[in-house]
N, C-alpha and C. Protein backbone atom coordinates (compact mmCIF):
# COMPACT_ATOMS: atom_id res chain seq x y z
N MET A 1 5.38 23.90 -31.48
CA MET A 1 5.35 25.29 -31.35
C MET A 1 6.00 25.81 -33.19
N ASP A 2 5.89 26.81 -33.77
CA ASP A 2 6.23 26.98 -34.59
C ASP A 2 7.47 27.27 -35.05
N GLN A 3 8.37 26.70 -35.74
CA GLN A 3 9.54 26.98 -35.57
C GLN A 3 10.10 27.89 -36.73
N HIS A 4 9.48 28.02 -37.72
CA HIS A 4 10.04 28.81 -38.96
C HIS A 4 8.24 30.46 -39.10
N PRO A 5 9.02 31.39 -37.81
CA PRO A 5 7.93 32.55 -38.50
C PRO A 5 7.40 32.86 -39.04
N ARG A 6 6.38 33.73 -38.92
CA ARG A 6 5.83 34.30 -40.40
C ARG A 6 6.09 35.35 -40.50
N PRO A 7 6.35 35.59 -41.70
CA PRO A 7 6.81 36.97 -42.53
C PRO A 7 5.92 37.95 -41.85
N VAL A 8 6.47 39.66 -41.15
CA VAL A 8 5.27 40.06 -40.88
C VAL A 8 5.71 41.50 -42.13
N PRO A 9 4.08 41.05 -42.22
CA PRO A 9 3.21 42.14 -42.59
C PRO A 9 3.78 43.41 -42.12
N THR A 10 3.82 44.45 -43.44
CA THR A 10 4.26 46.32 -42.62
C THR A 10 3.71 46.84 -43.05
N LEU A 11 3.17 48.09 -42.24
CA LEU A 11 2.07 48.89 -43.14
C LEU A 11 2.65 49.89 -44.24
N ASN A 12 3.57 50.18 -44.65
CA ASN A 12 3.97 50.65 -45.53
C ASN A 12 4.42 50.40 -46.91
N SER A 13 3.98 48.91 -47.09
CA SER A 13 4.11 48.65 -47.60
C SER A 13 3.03 48.61 -49.88
N GLU A 14 3.68 48.47 -50.96
CA GLU A 14 2.94 49.14 -51.59
C GLU A 14 1.77 48.43 -51.98
N SER A 15 0.61 49.07 -52.38
CA SER A 15 -0.41 48.16 -52.30
C SER A 15 -1.86 49.08 -53.29
N SER A 16 -2.49 47.75 -54.00
CA SER A 16 -3.19 48.48 -55.19
C SER A 16 -3.99 49.64 -55.46
N GLY A 17 -3.92 49.80 -53.77
CA GLY A 17 -4.81 50.86 -53.88
C GLY A 17 -5.31 51.48 -52.16
N THR A 18 -5.90 52.20 -51.80
CA THR A 18 -6.08 53.13 -50.07
C THR A 18 -6.86 52.22 -49.28
N GLY A 19 -7.75 51.31 -49.78
CA GLY A 19 -8.51 51.01 -48.53
C GLY A 19 -8.12 49.71 -48.75
N ASP A 20 -6.82 48.72 -48.97
CA ASP A 20 -6.99 47.62 -48.08
C ASP A 20 -5.75 47.68 -46.76
N TRP A 21 -5.47 49.12 -46.39
CA TRP A 21 -4.72 48.83 -44.98
C TRP A 21 -5.31 48.33 -44.39
N PRO A 22 -7.23 48.30 -43.65
CA PRO A 22 -7.59 48.15 -42.22
C PRO A 22 -7.11 46.11 -42.59
N ALA A 23 -6.66 45.89 -43.78
CA ALA A 23 -6.42 44.61 -44.02
C ALA A 23 -5.16 44.34 -43.43
N ARG A 24 -4.57 44.92 -44.24
CA ARG A 24 -2.85 44.80 -43.46
C ARG A 24 -2.83 44.99 -42.17
N ALA A 25 -3.20 46.16 -41.80
CA ALA A 25 -3.29 46.54 -40.54
C ALA A 25 -3.84 44.96 -39.78
N ALA A 26 -4.84 44.86 -39.83
CA ALA A 26 -5.43 43.36 -38.70
C ALA A 26 -4.60 42.21 -39.24
N ASP A 27 -3.99 42.43 -40.41
CA ASP A 27 -2.89 41.06 -40.66
C ASP A 27 -2.01 41.54 -39.65
N LEU A 28 -1.29 42.22 -39.77
CA LEU A 28 -0.07 42.92 -38.61
C LEU A 28 -0.39 42.74 -37.13
N VAL A 29 -1.26 42.89 -36.36
CA VAL A 29 -2.03 42.21 -35.09
C VAL A 29 -2.05 41.52 -35.21
N ASP A 30 -2.66 40.88 -35.67
CA ASP A 30 -2.49 38.79 -35.55
C ASP A 30 -1.59 38.57 -35.82
N THR A 31 -0.56 38.64 -36.61
CA THR A 31 1.31 38.36 -36.13
C THR A 31 1.71 38.23 -35.52
N LEU A 32 1.28 40.06 -34.51
CA LEU A 32 2.11 40.51 -33.36
C LEU A 32 1.55 39.92 -32.53
N VAL A 33 0.05 39.56 -32.23
CA VAL A 33 -0.31 38.70 -31.25
C VAL A 33 0.74 36.89 -31.39
N SER A 34 0.45 36.36 -32.37
CA SER A 34 1.02 35.22 -32.18
C SER A 34 2.14 34.70 -32.76
N LEU A 35 2.62 36.59 -32.86
CA LEU A 35 4.47 36.29 -32.04
C LEU A 35 4.97 36.46 -30.88
N LEU A 36 3.97 37.51 -30.40
CA LEU A 36 3.60 36.85 -28.82
C LEU A 36 3.67 36.63 -27.87
N ARG A 37 2.77 35.17 -28.21
CA ARG A 37 2.17 34.09 -27.34
C ARG A 37 3.63 33.08 -28.16
N ASP A 38 3.94 33.03 -28.85
CA ASP A 38 4.97 31.75 -29.43
C ASP A 38 6.16 32.47 -28.15
N LYS A 39 5.88 33.44 -28.11
CA LYS A 39 7.40 33.80 -27.80
C LYS A 39 7.34 34.23 -26.02
N THR A 40 6.22 33.82 -25.24
CA THR A 40 6.08 34.35 -24.14
C THR A 40 4.96 33.11 -23.38
N VAL A 41 3.62 32.71 -23.81
CA VAL A 41 2.97 31.80 -23.65
C VAL A 41 3.10 30.45 -23.51
N ARG A 42 4.08 29.90 -24.74
CA ARG A 42 3.86 28.78 -24.37
C ARG A 42 5.09 27.67 -24.32
N PRO A 43 6.01 29.24 -23.84
CA PRO A 43 7.37 28.42 -22.80
C PRO A 43 6.68 28.95 -21.35
N LEU A 44 5.95 29.37 -20.78
CA LEU A 44 5.24 29.78 -19.69
C LEU A 44 4.50 28.22 -19.35
N THR A 45 4.03 28.17 -20.64
CA THR A 45 2.80 26.84 -20.18
C THR A 45 3.78 25.63 -19.78
N LEU A 46 4.61 25.55 -20.90
CA LEU A 46 6.03 24.24 -20.40
C LEU A 46 6.15 23.91 -19.59
N VAL A 47 6.83 25.70 -18.72
CA VAL A 47 7.68 25.29 -17.27
C VAL A 47 6.10 25.20 -16.44
N ALA A 48 4.56 25.74 -16.51
CA ALA A 48 3.53 25.68 -15.66
C ALA A 48 3.06 23.99 -15.22
N ARG A 49 3.10 23.16 -16.84
CA ARG A 49 3.11 21.49 -16.27
C ARG A 49 4.36 20.86 -15.78
N ALA A 50 5.25 21.90 -15.93
CA ALA A 50 6.68 20.70 -15.67
C ALA A 50 6.87 21.11 -14.49
N ILE A 51 6.36 22.13 -13.65
CA ILE A 51 5.89 22.78 -12.37
C ILE A 51 4.84 21.67 -11.41
N VAL A 52 3.88 21.28 -12.34
CA VAL A 52 2.75 20.46 -11.91
C VAL A 52 2.63 19.29 -11.74
N PHE A 53 3.68 19.11 -12.96
CA PHE A 53 3.23 17.12 -12.86
C PHE A 53 4.95 16.92 -12.41
N GLY A 54 5.80 17.93 -11.57
CA GLY A 54 6.76 17.95 -10.83
C GLY A 54 6.42 17.43 -9.39
N VAL A 55 5.53 18.13 -8.73
CA VAL A 55 4.65 18.09 -7.29
C VAL A 55 3.77 17.69 -7.44
N ILE A 56 3.02 16.61 -8.41
CA ILE A 56 2.24 15.04 -8.56
C ILE A 56 2.86 14.21 -8.51
N VAL A 57 4.39 13.74 -9.07
CA VAL A 57 5.02 12.73 -8.54
C VAL A 57 5.64 13.28 -7.35
N PHE A 58 5.99 13.73 -7.04
CA PHE A 58 6.91 14.59 -5.77
C PHE A 58 6.21 14.04 -4.85
N ALA A 59 4.60 13.78 -4.76
CA ALA A 59 3.38 13.98 -3.92
C ALA A 59 3.58 12.07 -4.32
N ALA A 60 3.51 12.02 -5.35
CA ALA A 60 2.37 10.30 -5.71
C ALA A 60 4.21 9.62 -4.52
N ALA A 61 5.02 9.70 -4.73
CA ALA A 61 6.34 9.13 -4.31
C ALA A 61 6.48 9.17 -2.56
N VAL A 62 5.97 10.50 -2.00
CA VAL A 62 6.39 10.69 -0.83
C VAL A 62 4.95 9.42 -0.24
N THR A 63 4.12 9.56 -0.84
CA THR A 63 2.97 8.69 -0.35
C THR A 63 3.98 7.05 -0.36
N THR A 64 4.16 6.99 -1.78
CA THR A 64 4.73 5.27 -1.75
C THR A 64 5.22 5.04 -1.01
N VAL A 65 6.27 5.88 -0.87
CA VAL A 65 7.13 5.87 0.40
C VAL A 65 6.83 5.10 1.76
N THR A 66 6.11 6.17 2.22
CA THR A 66 5.22 5.82 3.42
C THR A 66 4.42 4.64 3.54
N LEU A 67 3.50 4.29 2.28
CA LEU A 67 2.66 3.32 2.67
C LEU A 67 4.15 2.09 2.62
N VAL A 68 5.01 2.11 1.39
CA VAL A 68 5.92 1.27 1.89
C VAL A 68 6.63 0.91 3.55
N SER A 69 6.64 2.00 3.32
CA SER A 69 7.18 2.08 4.95
C SER A 69 6.53 0.98 6.52
N ILE A 70 4.39 1.37 6.12
CA ILE A 70 4.10 0.97 6.57
C ILE A 70 3.31 -0.63 6.81
N ALA A 71 3.79 -0.80 5.89
CA ALA A 71 3.59 -2.23 5.30
C ALA A 71 4.41 -2.69 5.51
N LEU A 72 6.11 -2.56 5.74
CA LEU A 72 7.31 -2.93 5.46
C LEU A 72 7.48 -3.22 7.33
N VAL A 73 7.07 -2.43 8.31
CA VAL A 73 7.36 -2.63 9.86
C VAL A 73 5.91 -3.19 10.23
N ARG A 74 4.69 -3.05 9.41
CA ARG A 74 3.47 -4.17 9.75
C ARG A 74 3.48 -5.45 9.43
N VAL A 75 4.86 -6.48 8.38
CA VAL A 75 4.88 -6.90 8.06
C VAL A 75 6.05 -7.83 8.53
N LEU A 76 7.21 -6.68 9.13
CA LEU A 76 7.98 -7.34 9.57
C LEU A 76 7.92 -7.58 11.23
N THR A 77 7.05 -6.93 11.84
CA THR A 77 6.47 -6.84 13.36
C THR A 77 5.99 -8.35 13.67
N ILE A 78 4.76 -8.57 12.35
CA ILE A 78 3.78 -9.92 12.48
C ILE A 78 5.09 -11.27 12.23
N TYR A 79 5.71 -11.23 11.08
CA TYR A 79 6.16 -12.19 10.86
C TYR A 79 8.25 -12.35 11.16
N ALA A 80 8.64 -11.58 11.07
CA ALA A 80 10.04 -11.70 11.41
C ALA A 80 10.50 -11.74 12.65
N PHE A 81 9.59 -10.69 13.82
CA PHE A 81 9.98 -10.01 15.66
C PHE A 81 9.13 -10.39 16.18
N SER A 82 8.23 -10.90 15.64
CA SER A 82 6.67 -11.66 16.54
C SER A 82 6.36 -10.73 17.62
N GLY A 83 5.99 -9.77 16.68
CA GLY A 83 5.13 -8.68 17.70
C GLY A 83 5.51 -7.65 17.99
N ARG A 84 7.35 -7.65 18.42
CA ARG A 84 7.61 -6.79 18.88
C ARG A 84 8.06 -5.67 17.37
N VAL A 85 7.58 -4.95 18.25
CA VAL A 85 7.28 -3.73 16.78
C VAL A 85 8.49 -2.85 17.20
N TRP A 86 9.27 -2.49 18.22
CA TRP A 86 10.35 -1.48 18.58
C TRP A 86 11.92 -2.13 17.16
N ALA A 87 11.16 -3.89 17.60
CA ALA A 87 12.31 -3.86 16.70
C ALA A 87 12.34 -3.67 15.30
N ALA A 88 10.99 -3.78 14.74
CA ALA A 88 10.89 -3.64 13.23
C ALA A 88 10.93 -2.09 12.99
N ASP A 89 10.70 -0.87 14.43
CA ASP A 89 10.77 -0.02 13.63
C ASP A 89 12.28 0.25 13.63
N PHE A 90 13.22 0.06 14.59
CA PHE A 90 14.93 -0.41 14.58
C PHE A 90 15.12 -0.44 13.41
N LEU A 91 15.25 -1.67 12.76
CA LEU A 91 15.24 -1.79 11.60
C LEU A 91 15.33 -1.12 10.63
N ILE A 92 13.59 0.10 10.33
CA ILE A 92 13.45 0.31 9.16
C ILE A 92 14.08 1.58 9.40
N GLY A 93 14.47 2.14 10.90
CA GLY A 93 14.63 3.68 10.89
C GLY A 93 16.48 3.36 10.71
N ALA A 94 17.26 2.19 10.41
CA ALA A 94 18.21 1.98 10.19
C ALA A 94 18.47 2.26 8.82
N VAL A 95 17.65 1.38 8.41
CA VAL A 95 17.46 1.35 6.45
C VAL A 95 17.38 2.98 6.08
N PHE A 96 16.27 3.67 6.52
CA PHE A 96 16.57 5.06 6.03
C PHE A 96 17.83 5.90 6.83
N VAL A 97 18.51 5.72 7.98
CA VAL A 97 19.53 6.38 7.96
C VAL A 97 20.62 5.66 7.42
N ALA A 98 20.70 4.84 7.11
CA ALA A 98 21.81 4.44 5.83
C ALA A 98 21.10 4.94 4.62
N ILE A 99 20.41 4.99 3.80
CA ILE A 99 20.16 5.89 2.82
C ILE A 99 20.57 7.29 3.10
N GLY A 100 20.05 7.56 4.15
CA GLY A 100 20.35 8.82 4.64
C GLY A 100 22.20 9.05 4.29
N ALA A 101 22.69 9.00 5.15
CA ALA A 101 23.78 8.69 4.77
C ALA A 101 25.11 8.70 3.56
N ILE A 102 24.50 8.11 3.27
CA ILE A 102 24.36 7.28 1.72
C ILE A 102 24.26 8.92 1.23
N ALA A 103 23.30 9.57 1.06
CA ALA A 103 22.92 10.69 0.27
C ALA A 103 23.49 11.70 0.66
N TRP A 104 24.24 11.77 1.29
CA TRP A 104 24.95 12.99 2.07
C TRP A 104 26.56 13.03 1.76
N THR A 105 27.11 11.15 1.95
CA THR A 105 28.36 11.45 1.15
C THR A 105 28.46 11.64 0.01
N LEU A 106 27.35 11.63 -1.25
CA LEU A 106 26.70 11.88 -2.33
C LEU A 106 26.77 13.10 -2.79
N ARG A 107 26.36 14.15 -1.85
CA ARG A 107 25.98 15.41 -1.86
C ARG A 107 27.41 16.75 -2.42
N SER A 108 26.72 17.36 -3.04
CA SER A 108 27.99 18.39 -3.93
C SER A 108 28.35 19.12 -2.78
N ASP A 109 29.72 19.51 -2.25
CA ASP A 109 30.56 20.31 -1.85
C ASP A 109 30.33 22.13 -2.00
N ARG A 110 28.71 22.35 -1.61
CA ARG A 110 29.15 24.26 -1.97
C ARG A 110 29.92 24.71 -2.07
N GLY A 111 30.77 24.84 -1.24
CA GLY A 111 31.45 25.84 0.03
C GLY A 111 32.81 25.49 -1.51
N ALA A 112 33.43 24.02 -1.88
CA ALA A 112 34.55 24.21 -3.04
C ALA A 112 34.48 24.85 -4.22
N THR A 113 33.46 24.86 -4.77
CA THR A 113 33.01 25.12 -5.85
C THR A 113 33.15 27.23 -5.17
N ARG A 114 33.07 28.42 -4.50
CA ARG A 114 33.19 29.31 -5.00
C ARG A 114 35.04 29.89 -4.17
N SER A 115 35.26 30.50 -4.30
CA SER A 115 36.49 30.98 -4.49
C SER A 115 36.77 31.47 -2.99
N THR A 116 37.90 31.35 -2.15
CA THR A 116 38.09 31.96 -0.83
C THR A 116 39.26 32.82 -0.79
N LYS A 117 38.86 33.74 -0.19
CA LYS A 117 39.78 34.77 -0.24
C LYS A 117 40.77 35.03 1.22
């Protein structure tokens, strides 16, 4: 993105002849279109990219957590609990509940920031 905008030509500037105004008008339109693009399209493109990449990262994270959980349950079932699936499920569930409890205690209290009347 250009940090220094180009000077905007005007139609009423002095010129050597009257036949030059179509070129100056075209330059003015070109400058205004590029200014509009710099002020609107580029920021919207950055926001759209951030949203798309955020969705991709979120989907990859959910997939990874799911596959790791499944693999961990299978490994625990076979090697730690001798075929007792309920024990592996209980242990993995307890880990997720503990993570949720920690996240719950670290949350911000939205009611405390509002003024009470």
